[in-house]
N, C-alpha and C. Protein backbone atom coordinates (compact mmCIF):
# COMPACT_ATOMS: atom_id res chain seq x y z
N MET A 1 28.01 -3.86 -0.94
CA MET A 1 27.13 -3.55 0.17
C MET A 1 26.27 -4.76 0.52
N ASN A 2 26.26 -5.15 1.77
CA ASN A 2 25.44 -6.27 2.22
C ASN A 2 24.03 -5.79 2.52
N VAL A 3 23.06 -6.38 1.82
CA VAL A 3 21.66 -6.03 2.02
C VAL A 3 20.98 -7.15 2.80
N VAL A 4 20.31 -6.80 3.88
CA VAL A 4 19.57 -7.78 4.68
C VAL A 4 18.22 -8.01 4.02
N ASP A 5 17.93 -9.27 3.65
CA ASP A 5 16.65 -9.53 2.98
C ASP A 5 15.50 -9.45 3.98
N ALA A 6 14.27 -9.40 3.44
CA ALA A 6 13.09 -9.17 4.27
C ALA A 6 12.88 -10.26 5.32
N ASP A 7 13.11 -11.51 4.95
CA ASP A 7 12.90 -12.60 5.89
C ASP A 7 13.86 -12.51 7.07
N GLU A 8 15.13 -12.21 6.78
CA GLU A 8 16.11 -12.08 7.85
C GLU A 8 15.80 -10.87 8.73
N ALA A 9 15.36 -9.78 8.10
CA ALA A 9 15.01 -8.58 8.86
C ALA A 9 13.85 -8.87 9.82
N LEU A 10 12.85 -9.60 9.32
CA LEU A 10 11.71 -9.94 10.17
C LEU A 10 12.14 -10.85 11.32
N ARG A 11 13.04 -11.78 11.02
CA ARG A 11 13.54 -12.67 12.08
C ARG A 11 14.24 -11.86 13.17
N ARG A 12 15.04 -10.88 12.77
CA ARG A 12 15.73 -10.04 13.76
C ARG A 12 14.75 -9.28 14.64
N LEU A 13 13.68 -8.77 14.03
CA LEU A 13 12.69 -8.04 14.82
C LEU A 13 11.97 -8.97 15.80
N MET A 14 11.63 -10.17 15.34
CA MET A 14 10.96 -11.12 16.21
C MET A 14 11.84 -11.52 17.38
N GLU A 15 13.11 -11.77 17.08
CA GLU A 15 14.05 -12.14 18.14
C GLU A 15 14.26 -10.99 19.12
N GLY A 16 14.34 -9.78 18.58
CA GLY A 16 14.51 -8.62 19.44
C GLY A 16 13.30 -8.40 20.34
N ASN A 17 12.11 -8.61 19.80
CA ASN A 17 10.91 -8.46 20.62
C ASN A 17 10.84 -9.54 21.70
N ARG A 18 11.30 -10.73 21.37
CA ARG A 18 11.34 -11.79 22.38
C ARG A 18 12.24 -11.38 23.54
N ARG A 19 13.40 -10.81 23.22
CA ARG A 19 14.30 -10.35 24.28
C ARG A 19 13.64 -9.25 25.12
N PHE A 20 12.96 -8.33 24.45
CA PHE A 20 12.28 -7.24 25.16
C PHE A 20 11.25 -7.79 26.15
N VAL A 21 10.45 -8.74 25.68
CA VAL A 21 9.42 -9.33 26.54
C VAL A 21 10.05 -10.00 27.76
N GLU A 22 11.22 -10.61 27.54
CA GLU A 22 11.91 -11.32 28.62
C GLU A 22 12.82 -10.40 29.45
N ASN A 23 12.78 -9.10 29.12
CA ASN A 23 13.61 -8.11 29.84
C ASN A 23 15.10 -8.42 29.75
N VAL A 24 15.52 -8.86 28.55
CA VAL A 24 16.93 -9.14 28.30
C VAL A 24 17.37 -8.29 27.11
N ARG A 25 18.38 -7.46 27.29
CA ARG A 25 18.88 -6.62 26.21
C ARG A 25 20.16 -7.21 25.63
N SER A 26 20.29 -7.13 24.32
CA SER A 26 21.51 -7.60 23.68
C SER A 26 22.61 -6.57 23.86
N VAL A 27 23.84 -7.05 23.87
CA VAL A 27 24.99 -6.15 23.99
C VAL A 27 25.04 -5.21 22.79
N GLN A 28 24.69 -5.73 21.61
CA GLN A 28 24.74 -4.93 20.38
C GLN A 28 23.81 -3.73 20.47
N ALA A 29 22.66 -3.90 21.12
CA ALA A 29 21.70 -2.80 21.23
C ALA A 29 22.20 -1.71 22.16
N MET A 30 23.08 -2.07 23.09
CA MET A 30 23.56 -1.11 24.08
C MET A 30 24.87 -0.44 23.68
N VAL A 31 25.62 -1.09 22.78
CA VAL A 31 26.94 -0.58 22.39
C VAL A 31 26.90 -0.18 20.91
N CYS A 32 27.39 0.99 20.60
CA CYS A 32 27.41 1.42 19.20
C CYS A 32 28.65 2.26 18.94
N ASP A 33 29.03 2.31 17.68
CA ASP A 33 30.17 3.12 17.25
C ASP A 33 29.60 4.38 16.62
N ARG A 34 29.46 5.43 17.40
CA ARG A 34 28.85 6.65 16.90
C ARG A 34 29.67 7.28 15.77
N ALA A 35 30.98 7.16 15.85
CA ALA A 35 31.82 7.71 14.79
C ALA A 35 31.55 7.00 13.47
N GLU A 36 31.41 5.68 13.53
CA GLU A 36 31.11 4.90 12.33
C GLU A 36 29.74 5.27 11.78
N LEU A 37 28.76 5.40 12.66
CA LEU A 37 27.41 5.74 12.22
C LEU A 37 27.33 7.14 11.62
N SER A 38 28.22 8.02 12.02
CA SER A 38 28.21 9.37 11.47
C SER A 38 28.56 9.37 9.99
N ARG A 39 29.16 8.29 9.53
CA ARG A 39 29.56 8.19 8.12
C ARG A 39 28.48 7.57 7.24
N GLY A 40 27.43 7.06 7.86
CA GLY A 40 26.35 6.49 7.06
C GLY A 40 25.52 5.51 7.87
N GLN A 41 24.38 5.13 7.32
CA GLN A 41 23.49 4.20 7.99
C GLN A 41 23.01 3.13 7.03
N ARG A 42 22.70 1.95 7.57
CA ARG A 42 22.16 0.85 6.79
C ARG A 42 21.06 0.16 7.60
N PRO A 43 19.95 0.85 7.84
CA PRO A 43 18.87 0.24 8.63
C PRO A 43 18.33 -1.00 7.92
N PHE A 44 18.13 -2.08 8.67
CA PHE A 44 17.66 -3.32 8.05
C PHE A 44 16.13 -3.40 7.97
N ALA A 45 15.43 -2.49 8.64
CA ALA A 45 13.96 -2.47 8.58
C ALA A 45 13.45 -1.04 8.73
N ILE A 46 12.31 -0.80 8.11
CA ILE A 46 11.61 0.47 8.23
C ILE A 46 10.38 0.21 9.09
N VAL A 47 10.18 1.02 10.12
CA VAL A 47 9.02 0.84 10.99
C VAL A 47 8.20 2.13 11.01
N LEU A 48 6.98 2.04 10.51
CA LEU A 48 6.03 3.15 10.60
C LEU A 48 5.13 2.86 11.79
N CYS A 49 5.22 3.69 12.82
CA CYS A 49 4.48 3.39 14.05
C CYS A 49 3.90 4.66 14.65
N CYS A 50 3.18 4.49 15.74
CA CYS A 50 2.50 5.60 16.40
C CYS A 50 3.49 6.44 17.21
N SER A 51 3.11 7.69 17.45
CA SER A 51 3.94 8.59 18.25
C SER A 51 3.82 8.34 19.75
N ASP A 52 2.92 7.46 20.14
CA ASP A 52 2.67 7.18 21.56
C ASP A 52 3.98 6.93 22.31
N SER A 53 4.15 7.58 23.45
CA SER A 53 5.39 7.48 24.21
C SER A 53 5.65 6.08 24.75
N ARG A 54 4.62 5.23 24.71
CA ARG A 54 4.75 3.87 25.25
C ARG A 54 5.15 2.85 24.19
N SER A 55 5.38 3.31 22.95
CA SER A 55 5.64 2.35 21.88
C SER A 55 6.86 2.69 21.03
N PRO A 56 8.02 2.92 21.64
CA PRO A 56 9.24 3.21 20.85
C PRO A 56 9.77 1.95 20.16
N ALA A 57 9.84 1.98 18.86
CA ALA A 57 10.21 0.78 18.10
C ALA A 57 11.58 0.24 18.47
N GLU A 58 12.56 1.11 18.63
CA GLU A 58 13.92 0.64 18.93
C GLU A 58 13.96 -0.17 20.23
N THR A 59 13.18 0.25 21.22
CA THR A 59 13.15 -0.46 22.49
C THR A 59 12.37 -1.76 22.37
N ILE A 60 11.21 -1.70 21.73
CA ILE A 60 10.34 -2.87 21.59
C ILE A 60 11.04 -4.00 20.85
N PHE A 61 11.89 -3.65 19.88
CA PHE A 61 12.59 -4.66 19.08
C PHE A 61 14.05 -4.83 19.51
N ASP A 62 14.43 -4.20 20.62
CA ASP A 62 15.78 -4.33 21.17
C ASP A 62 16.85 -4.10 20.11
N GLN A 63 16.80 -2.95 19.48
CA GLN A 63 17.75 -2.60 18.44
C GLN A 63 18.49 -1.32 18.80
N GLY A 64 19.73 -1.23 18.35
CA GLY A 64 20.56 -0.07 18.65
C GLY A 64 20.48 1.01 17.58
N LEU A 65 21.32 2.01 17.73
CA LEU A 65 21.37 3.11 16.77
C LEU A 65 21.73 2.58 15.38
N GLY A 66 21.05 3.11 14.37
CA GLY A 66 21.38 2.76 13.00
C GLY A 66 20.72 1.50 12.48
N CYS A 67 19.97 0.78 13.33
CA CYS A 67 19.37 -0.49 12.90
C CYS A 67 18.00 -0.32 12.25
N LEU A 68 17.23 0.64 12.73
CA LEU A 68 15.86 0.82 12.25
C LEU A 68 15.66 2.24 11.72
N PHE A 69 14.91 2.34 10.62
CA PHE A 69 14.49 3.64 10.09
C PHE A 69 13.05 3.82 10.56
N VAL A 70 12.86 4.66 11.56
CA VAL A 70 11.56 4.76 12.23
C VAL A 70 10.83 6.04 11.84
N ILE A 71 9.57 5.86 11.45
CA ILE A 71 8.69 6.98 11.10
C ILE A 71 7.54 6.96 12.10
N ARG A 72 7.44 8.00 12.90
CA ARG A 72 6.41 8.02 13.95
C ARG A 72 5.39 9.12 13.68
N VAL A 73 4.12 8.74 13.75
CA VAL A 73 3.02 9.69 13.57
C VAL A 73 1.82 9.15 14.33
N ALA A 74 1.07 10.03 14.98
CA ALA A 74 -0.08 9.58 15.75
C ALA A 74 -1.02 8.73 14.89
N GLY A 75 -1.37 7.56 15.40
CA GLY A 75 -2.28 6.67 14.68
C GLY A 75 -1.64 5.89 13.56
N ASN A 76 -0.30 5.92 13.47
CA ASN A 76 0.43 5.23 12.39
C ASN A 76 -0.29 5.35 11.04
N ILE A 77 -0.70 6.59 10.73
CA ILE A 77 -1.42 6.84 9.48
C ILE A 77 -0.43 6.97 8.32
N VAL A 78 -0.97 6.87 7.12
CA VAL A 78 -0.15 7.04 5.92
C VAL A 78 -0.67 8.23 5.13
N ALA A 79 0.14 9.25 5.03
CA ALA A 79 -0.12 10.43 4.20
C ALA A 79 1.09 10.58 3.28
N PRO A 80 1.06 11.52 2.33
CA PRO A 80 2.19 11.65 1.40
C PRO A 80 3.55 11.75 2.06
N SER A 81 3.65 12.43 3.20
CA SER A 81 4.97 12.57 3.84
C SER A 81 5.48 11.24 4.37
N GLN A 82 4.57 10.38 4.85
CA GLN A 82 5.00 9.06 5.32
C GLN A 82 5.41 8.18 4.14
N ILE A 83 4.65 8.24 3.05
CA ILE A 83 5.02 7.47 1.86
C ILE A 83 6.39 7.90 1.36
N ALA A 84 6.62 9.21 1.33
CA ALA A 84 7.92 9.72 0.87
C ALA A 84 9.05 9.24 1.76
N SER A 85 8.81 9.19 3.06
CA SER A 85 9.84 8.74 3.99
C SER A 85 10.19 7.28 3.77
N VAL A 86 9.16 6.45 3.54
CA VAL A 86 9.41 5.03 3.27
C VAL A 86 10.16 4.87 1.96
N GLU A 87 9.71 5.59 0.93
CA GLU A 87 10.40 5.53 -0.36
C GLU A 87 11.87 5.91 -0.22
N PHE A 88 12.13 6.95 0.55
CA PHE A 88 13.51 7.42 0.75
C PHE A 88 14.38 6.30 1.30
N ALA A 89 13.91 5.61 2.33
CA ALA A 89 14.71 4.56 2.95
C ALA A 89 14.88 3.36 2.03
N VAL A 90 13.82 3.00 1.31
CA VAL A 90 13.90 1.87 0.40
C VAL A 90 14.89 2.15 -0.72
N GLU A 91 14.83 3.35 -1.26
CA GLU A 91 15.69 3.69 -2.40
C GLU A 91 17.12 4.01 -1.96
N ARG A 92 17.27 4.75 -0.86
CA ARG A 92 18.60 5.19 -0.44
C ARG A 92 19.39 4.09 0.27
N PHE A 93 18.71 3.33 1.13
CA PHE A 93 19.41 2.34 1.96
C PHE A 93 19.15 0.90 1.55
N HIS A 94 18.28 0.71 0.53
CA HIS A 94 17.94 -0.63 0.03
C HIS A 94 17.35 -1.51 1.15
N THR A 95 16.61 -0.88 2.04
CA THR A 95 15.95 -1.62 3.11
C THR A 95 14.80 -2.42 2.52
N ARG A 96 14.71 -3.71 2.90
CA ARG A 96 13.78 -4.62 2.23
C ARG A 96 12.53 -4.95 3.03
N LEU A 97 12.45 -4.52 4.28
CA LEU A 97 11.27 -4.81 5.09
C LEU A 97 10.65 -3.52 5.62
N VAL A 98 9.34 -3.40 5.42
CA VAL A 98 8.57 -2.29 5.97
C VAL A 98 7.54 -2.86 6.93
N VAL A 99 7.51 -2.35 8.15
CA VAL A 99 6.53 -2.79 9.15
C VAL A 99 5.65 -1.60 9.52
N VAL A 100 4.34 -1.78 9.41
CA VAL A 100 3.39 -0.79 9.92
C VAL A 100 2.88 -1.33 11.25
N MET A 101 3.19 -0.64 12.34
CA MET A 101 2.87 -1.16 13.67
C MET A 101 1.89 -0.27 14.42
N GLY A 102 0.73 -0.84 14.73
CA GLY A 102 -0.22 -0.18 15.62
C GLY A 102 -0.02 -0.73 17.02
N HIS A 103 -0.83 -0.26 17.96
CA HIS A 103 -0.68 -0.75 19.33
C HIS A 103 -2.00 -0.69 20.07
N SER A 104 -2.12 -1.48 21.10
CA SER A 104 -3.34 -1.49 21.91
C SER A 104 -3.49 -0.17 22.66
N HIS A 105 -4.72 0.15 23.02
CA HIS A 105 -5.01 1.37 23.78
C HIS A 105 -4.50 2.62 23.07
N CYS A 106 -4.71 2.68 21.77
CA CYS A 106 -4.22 3.80 20.96
C CYS A 106 -5.13 5.02 21.11
N GLY A 107 -4.56 6.14 21.52
CA GLY A 107 -5.34 7.35 21.71
C GLY A 107 -5.92 7.90 20.43
N ALA A 108 -5.20 7.76 19.32
CA ALA A 108 -5.70 8.26 18.04
C ALA A 108 -6.92 7.46 17.58
N ILE A 109 -6.89 6.16 17.81
CA ILE A 109 -8.04 5.32 17.48
C ILE A 109 -9.23 5.70 18.34
N SER A 110 -8.99 5.87 19.63
CA SER A 110 -10.06 6.24 20.56
C SER A 110 -10.66 7.59 20.18
N ALA A 111 -9.81 8.55 19.82
CA ALA A 111 -10.29 9.88 19.43
C ALA A 111 -11.12 9.82 18.16
N THR A 112 -10.73 8.95 17.24
CA THR A 112 -11.49 8.80 16.00
C THR A 112 -12.87 8.23 16.27
N LEU A 113 -12.94 7.20 17.09
CA LEU A 113 -14.23 6.60 17.43
C LEU A 113 -15.11 7.61 18.17
N ASP A 114 -14.52 8.38 19.06
CA ASP A 114 -15.28 9.41 19.78
C ASP A 114 -15.87 10.43 18.81
N ALA A 115 -15.06 10.88 17.86
CA ALA A 115 -15.50 11.89 16.90
C ALA A 115 -16.63 11.36 16.03
N ILE A 116 -16.51 10.10 15.59
CA ILE A 116 -17.54 9.51 14.74
C ILE A 116 -18.84 9.34 15.52
N GLN A 117 -18.75 8.79 16.71
CA GLN A 117 -19.95 8.51 17.49
C GLN A 117 -20.62 9.77 18.00
N ALA A 118 -19.82 10.82 18.24
CA ALA A 118 -20.40 12.08 18.70
C ALA A 118 -20.92 12.93 17.55
N GLY A 119 -20.51 12.57 16.32
CA GLY A 119 -20.96 13.30 15.15
C GLY A 119 -20.46 14.72 15.10
N ARG A 120 -19.27 14.94 15.60
CA ARG A 120 -18.71 16.30 15.59
C ARG A 120 -17.26 16.28 15.11
N GLY A 121 -16.73 17.45 14.85
CA GLY A 121 -15.36 17.56 14.39
C GLY A 121 -14.37 17.30 15.50
N ALA A 122 -13.09 17.27 15.14
CA ALA A 122 -12.05 16.98 16.12
C ALA A 122 -10.97 18.05 16.14
N GLY A 123 -11.30 19.27 15.69
CA GLY A 123 -10.31 20.35 15.68
C GLY A 123 -9.12 20.00 14.81
N ASN A 124 -7.93 20.37 15.27
CA ASN A 124 -6.72 20.08 14.50
C ASN A 124 -6.46 18.59 14.38
N LEU A 125 -7.03 17.82 15.31
CA LEU A 125 -6.86 16.36 15.26
C LEU A 125 -7.54 15.75 14.04
N ALA A 126 -8.39 16.55 13.38
CA ALA A 126 -9.11 16.05 12.20
C ALA A 126 -8.17 15.54 11.12
N SER A 127 -6.98 16.13 11.02
CA SER A 127 -6.03 15.69 9.99
C SER A 127 -5.62 14.24 10.19
N ILE A 128 -5.70 13.76 11.43
CA ILE A 128 -5.41 12.36 11.73
C ILE A 128 -6.68 11.54 11.71
N VAL A 129 -7.72 12.04 12.37
CA VAL A 129 -9.00 11.33 12.45
C VAL A 129 -9.55 11.02 11.06
N ASP A 130 -9.46 11.98 10.15
CA ASP A 130 -10.02 11.79 8.81
C ASP A 130 -9.31 10.71 8.03
N ARG A 131 -8.07 10.40 8.40
CA ARG A 131 -7.34 9.33 7.71
C ARG A 131 -7.61 7.97 8.33
N ILE A 132 -8.00 7.97 9.58
CA ILE A 132 -8.33 6.70 10.25
C ILE A 132 -9.79 6.32 10.00
N ARG A 133 -10.64 7.32 9.87
CA ARG A 133 -12.09 7.12 9.77
C ARG A 133 -12.53 6.04 8.77
N PRO A 134 -12.05 6.06 7.51
CA PRO A 134 -12.54 5.06 6.54
C PRO A 134 -12.27 3.62 6.96
N ALA A 135 -11.22 3.40 7.72
CA ALA A 135 -10.89 2.03 8.13
C ALA A 135 -11.79 1.52 9.24
N VAL A 136 -12.26 2.43 10.09
CA VAL A 136 -13.02 1.99 11.27
C VAL A 136 -14.53 2.14 11.11
N LEU A 137 -14.99 2.95 10.16
CA LEU A 137 -16.42 3.14 9.98
C LEU A 137 -17.19 1.84 9.80
N PRO A 138 -16.72 0.90 8.96
CA PRO A 138 -17.48 -0.35 8.78
C PRO A 138 -17.67 -1.13 10.07
N LEU A 139 -16.75 -1.00 11.01
CA LEU A 139 -16.85 -1.74 12.27
C LEU A 139 -18.03 -1.26 13.10
N LEU A 140 -18.42 -0.01 12.90
CA LEU A 140 -19.54 0.55 13.66
C LEU A 140 -20.88 0.03 13.17
N GLN A 141 -20.86 -0.69 12.05
CA GLN A 141 -22.08 -1.30 11.53
C GLN A 141 -22.20 -2.76 11.97
N THR A 142 -21.34 -3.19 12.86
CA THR A 142 -21.35 -4.57 13.34
C THR A 142 -21.66 -4.60 14.84
N GLU A 143 -21.73 -5.82 15.38
CA GLU A 143 -22.01 -5.97 16.81
C GLU A 143 -20.89 -5.39 17.68
N LEU A 144 -19.73 -5.16 17.08
CA LEU A 144 -18.62 -4.58 17.84
C LEU A 144 -18.96 -3.20 18.39
N ALA A 145 -19.89 -2.52 17.75
CA ALA A 145 -20.26 -1.17 18.19
C ALA A 145 -20.83 -1.16 19.61
N GLU A 146 -21.29 -2.34 20.07
CA GLU A 146 -21.87 -2.43 21.41
C GLU A 146 -20.83 -2.69 22.49
N ASP A 147 -19.60 -2.96 22.09
CA ASP A 147 -18.54 -3.30 23.06
C ASP A 147 -17.32 -2.44 22.74
N ARG A 148 -17.14 -1.35 23.47
CA ARG A 148 -16.09 -0.39 23.14
C ARG A 148 -14.70 -1.02 23.15
N GLU A 149 -14.41 -1.88 24.11
CA GLU A 149 -13.08 -2.49 24.18
C GLU A 149 -12.80 -3.34 22.94
N SER A 150 -13.77 -4.17 22.57
CA SER A 150 -13.60 -5.01 21.37
C SER A 150 -13.54 -4.16 20.12
N LEU A 151 -14.32 -3.09 20.09
CA LEU A 151 -14.33 -2.18 18.95
C LEU A 151 -12.95 -1.54 18.76
N GLU A 152 -12.36 -1.08 19.85
CA GLU A 152 -11.04 -0.45 19.74
C GLU A 152 -9.98 -1.44 19.28
N ARG A 153 -10.04 -2.67 19.79
CA ARG A 153 -9.07 -3.68 19.35
C ARG A 153 -9.18 -3.94 17.86
N ALA A 154 -10.41 -4.10 17.38
CA ALA A 154 -10.63 -4.36 15.96
C ALA A 154 -10.22 -3.15 15.12
N ALA A 155 -10.45 -1.95 15.65
CA ALA A 155 -10.12 -0.73 14.92
C ALA A 155 -8.61 -0.56 14.76
N VAL A 156 -7.85 -0.94 15.78
CA VAL A 156 -6.39 -0.88 15.69
C VAL A 156 -5.91 -1.74 14.53
N ARG A 157 -6.43 -2.96 14.45
CA ARG A 157 -6.02 -3.89 13.39
C ARG A 157 -6.46 -3.36 12.02
N ALA A 158 -7.71 -2.89 11.93
CA ALA A 158 -8.22 -2.40 10.65
C ALA A 158 -7.42 -1.20 10.16
N ASN A 159 -7.01 -0.35 11.08
CA ASN A 159 -6.23 0.83 10.70
C ASN A 159 -4.84 0.45 10.20
N VAL A 160 -4.22 -0.54 10.83
CA VAL A 160 -2.92 -1.02 10.35
C VAL A 160 -3.07 -1.58 8.94
N GLU A 161 -4.10 -2.39 8.73
CA GLU A 161 -4.30 -2.99 7.41
C GLU A 161 -4.52 -1.92 6.36
N ALA A 162 -5.26 -0.86 6.71
CA ALA A 162 -5.50 0.23 5.77
C ALA A 162 -4.19 0.95 5.43
N SER A 163 -3.35 1.15 6.42
CA SER A 163 -2.06 1.82 6.18
C SER A 163 -1.14 0.97 5.31
N VAL A 164 -1.16 -0.34 5.53
CA VAL A 164 -0.36 -1.24 4.69
C VAL A 164 -0.83 -1.16 3.25
N ARG A 165 -2.15 -1.19 3.04
CA ARG A 165 -2.68 -1.10 1.68
C ARG A 165 -2.31 0.22 1.03
N GLN A 166 -2.34 1.30 1.81
CA GLN A 166 -2.01 2.59 1.23
C GLN A 166 -0.55 2.66 0.81
N LEU A 167 0.33 2.07 1.58
CA LEU A 167 1.73 2.00 1.16
C LEU A 167 1.86 1.15 -0.09
N ARG A 168 1.10 0.06 -0.12
CA ARG A 168 1.18 -0.87 -1.25
C ARG A 168 0.74 -0.21 -2.56
N TYR A 169 -0.34 0.56 -2.50
CA TYR A 169 -0.91 1.12 -3.72
C TYR A 169 -0.73 2.63 -3.86
N GLY A 170 -0.13 3.27 -2.87
CA GLY A 170 0.04 4.71 -2.94
C GLY A 170 1.38 5.14 -3.47
N SER A 171 2.20 4.17 -3.88
CA SER A 171 3.55 4.49 -4.36
C SER A 171 3.94 3.56 -5.49
N ARG A 172 4.24 4.13 -6.63
CA ARG A 172 4.68 3.30 -7.76
C ARG A 172 6.01 2.62 -7.44
N LEU A 173 6.90 3.35 -6.77
CA LEU A 173 8.21 2.79 -6.43
C LEU A 173 8.05 1.57 -5.53
N LEU A 174 7.25 1.69 -4.48
CA LEU A 174 7.06 0.57 -3.56
C LEU A 174 6.35 -0.59 -4.24
N GLU A 175 5.38 -0.28 -5.07
CA GLU A 175 4.65 -1.34 -5.77
C GLU A 175 5.59 -2.13 -6.69
N GLU A 176 6.44 -1.42 -7.38
CA GLU A 176 7.39 -2.11 -8.26
C GLU A 176 8.37 -2.96 -7.46
N GLN A 177 8.81 -2.46 -6.31
CA GLN A 177 9.73 -3.23 -5.47
C GLN A 177 9.05 -4.47 -4.90
N LEU A 178 7.77 -4.36 -4.58
CA LEU A 178 7.02 -5.52 -4.08
C LEU A 178 6.88 -6.59 -5.15
N ILE A 179 6.55 -6.16 -6.35
CA ILE A 179 6.35 -7.10 -7.45
C ILE A 179 7.65 -7.80 -7.82
N SER A 180 8.76 -7.09 -7.69
CA SER A 180 10.06 -7.69 -8.03
C SER A 180 10.47 -8.76 -7.04
N GLY A 181 9.80 -8.81 -5.88
CA GLY A 181 10.09 -9.84 -4.90
C GLY A 181 11.07 -9.45 -3.83
N GLY A 182 11.64 -8.25 -3.92
CA GLY A 182 12.65 -7.87 -2.95
C GLY A 182 12.11 -7.21 -1.70
N LEU A 183 10.99 -6.48 -1.85
CA LEU A 183 10.44 -5.73 -0.73
C LEU A 183 9.25 -6.48 -0.12
N ARG A 184 9.10 -6.33 1.19
CA ARG A 184 7.98 -6.94 1.89
C ARG A 184 7.39 -5.90 2.85
N ILE A 185 6.07 -5.79 2.86
CA ILE A 185 5.38 -4.89 3.78
C ILE A 185 4.46 -5.73 4.65
N VAL A 186 4.62 -5.61 5.96
CA VAL A 186 3.79 -6.39 6.88
C VAL A 186 3.16 -5.47 7.91
N GLY A 187 2.05 -5.94 8.47
CA GLY A 187 1.40 -5.24 9.56
C GLY A 187 1.85 -5.84 10.88
N ALA A 188 1.69 -5.08 11.95
CA ALA A 188 2.04 -5.58 13.27
C ALA A 188 1.21 -4.85 14.32
N GLU A 189 0.99 -5.53 15.44
CA GLU A 189 0.27 -4.91 16.55
C GLU A 189 1.04 -5.18 17.84
N TYR A 190 1.34 -4.10 18.55
CA TYR A 190 2.07 -4.17 19.81
C TYR A 190 1.10 -4.11 20.98
N ASP A 191 1.23 -5.05 21.90
CA ASP A 191 0.38 -5.10 23.08
C ASP A 191 1.09 -4.38 24.22
N LEU A 192 0.52 -3.29 24.69
CA LEU A 192 1.16 -2.50 25.74
C LEU A 192 1.31 -3.28 27.04
N VAL A 193 0.43 -4.24 27.29
CA VAL A 193 0.46 -4.98 28.55
C VAL A 193 1.51 -6.08 28.52
N THR A 194 1.51 -6.90 27.47
CA THR A 194 2.42 -8.05 27.41
C THR A 194 3.78 -7.69 26.82
N GLY A 195 3.83 -6.63 26.01
CA GLY A 195 5.07 -6.27 25.32
C GLY A 195 5.27 -7.02 24.02
N ARG A 196 4.37 -7.92 23.70
CA ARG A 196 4.54 -8.75 22.50
C ARG A 196 4.04 -8.03 21.24
N VAL A 197 4.72 -8.32 20.14
CA VAL A 197 4.31 -7.80 18.84
C VAL A 197 3.81 -8.96 17.99
N ASP A 198 2.61 -8.81 17.46
CA ASP A 198 2.01 -9.81 16.57
C ASP A 198 2.15 -9.30 15.15
N PHE A 199 2.88 -10.04 14.31
CA PHE A 199 3.05 -9.68 12.90
C PHE A 199 2.00 -10.39 12.05
N PHE A 200 1.56 -9.71 10.99
CA PHE A 200 0.59 -10.35 10.09
C PHE A 200 0.71 -9.76 8.69
N GLU A 201 0.50 -10.63 7.70
CA GLU A 201 0.39 -10.19 6.31
C GLU A 201 -1.07 -9.86 6.09
N THR A 202 -1.36 -8.75 5.43
CA THR A 202 -2.76 -8.39 5.25
C THR A 202 -3.35 -8.90 3.95
N GLU A 203 -2.53 -9.14 2.94
CA GLU A 203 -3.03 -9.63 1.67
C GLU A 203 -1.94 -10.46 1.00
N ARG A 204 -2.36 -11.50 0.28
CA ARG A 204 -1.38 -12.29 -0.48
C ARG A 204 -0.69 -11.41 -1.51
N GLU A 205 -1.43 -10.42 -2.03
CA GLU A 205 -0.86 -9.59 -3.09
C GLU A 205 0.30 -8.74 -2.61
N LEU A 206 0.49 -8.63 -1.30
CA LEU A 206 1.62 -7.87 -0.80
C LEU A 206 2.93 -8.52 -1.19
N ASN A 207 2.88 -9.80 -1.53
CA ASN A 207 4.08 -10.49 -1.97
C ASN A 207 4.21 -10.47 -3.49
N GLY A 208 3.38 -9.63 -4.14
CA GLY A 208 3.48 -9.49 -5.59
C GLY A 208 2.67 -10.49 -6.36
N CYS A 209 1.62 -11.07 -5.73
CA CYS A 209 0.83 -12.11 -6.38
C CYS A 209 -0.27 -11.53 -7.25
N ALA A 210 -0.63 -10.27 -7.03
CA ALA A 210 -1.77 -9.71 -7.73
C ALA A 210 -1.32 -8.78 -8.85
N THR A 211 -2.25 -8.53 -9.77
CA THR A 211 -1.98 -7.58 -10.83
C THR A 211 -1.88 -6.19 -10.23
N PRO A 212 -0.84 -5.45 -10.55
CA PRO A 212 -0.67 -4.13 -9.94
C PRO A 212 -1.78 -3.17 -10.33
N ARG A 213 -2.14 -2.30 -9.40
CA ARG A 213 -3.11 -1.26 -9.65
C ARG A 213 -2.41 0.09 -9.72
N LYS A 214 -3.07 1.03 -10.33
CA LYS A 214 -2.50 2.36 -10.43
C LYS A 214 -2.44 3.00 -9.05
N PRO A 215 -1.28 3.48 -8.61
CA PRO A 215 -1.19 4.11 -7.30
C PRO A 215 -2.11 5.31 -7.19
N GLY A 216 -2.72 5.47 -6.03
CA GLY A 216 -3.61 6.60 -5.79
C GLY A 216 -2.94 7.62 -4.91
N PRO A 217 -3.67 8.67 -4.57
CA PRO A 217 -3.12 9.71 -3.70
C PRO A 217 -3.06 9.24 -2.27
N GLY A 218 -2.40 10.00 -1.40
CA GLY A 218 -2.32 9.64 0.02
C GLY A 218 -3.70 9.55 0.62
N ARG A 219 -3.85 8.55 1.53
CA ARG A 219 -5.15 8.33 2.15
C ARG A 219 -5.50 9.52 3.03
């Protein structure tokens, strides 16, 4: 079985996003062998992203059926079900790259800031808001609190970084794979206006440089 390493997987995503920005689709993304795919899949990257209708990972990265294992949830949060989904793909398909992708103008981020600043609950949305809240609360103690647009941009990034950390430390399986050098987890931010995706590493320890910590429960 040919396994695509993390660096090659990231290169493919970057190239695919470049094509998307330039409004050029690859033939491979448009043509697929559905009969072949029915016999199995070998996604080269896992993408945990928001449910927002404007941010479909397969389109943004110009990839066809069977190329990406996509987990979508409002606010790209990490809870036990998301961790389990990532573990499943890493273990079953030997996928070596995990991308946590947030996006500009995120409704879940905006709803979280509204709930915090209004000092009230968010109904059923609380299950999402409560997972985003710890990442964005510190930002409200800075000058960013006076500029809603800047605050939301910073909150999107902070929430992605929090989700990456939770994947890193919320799963013994993923932590072991990171330390072994085979798995890579990166953050990313998609700009709804330009179509560009900015990738970033949130910590050196994501490459297995730090002493492992005991995995905790879902954020």
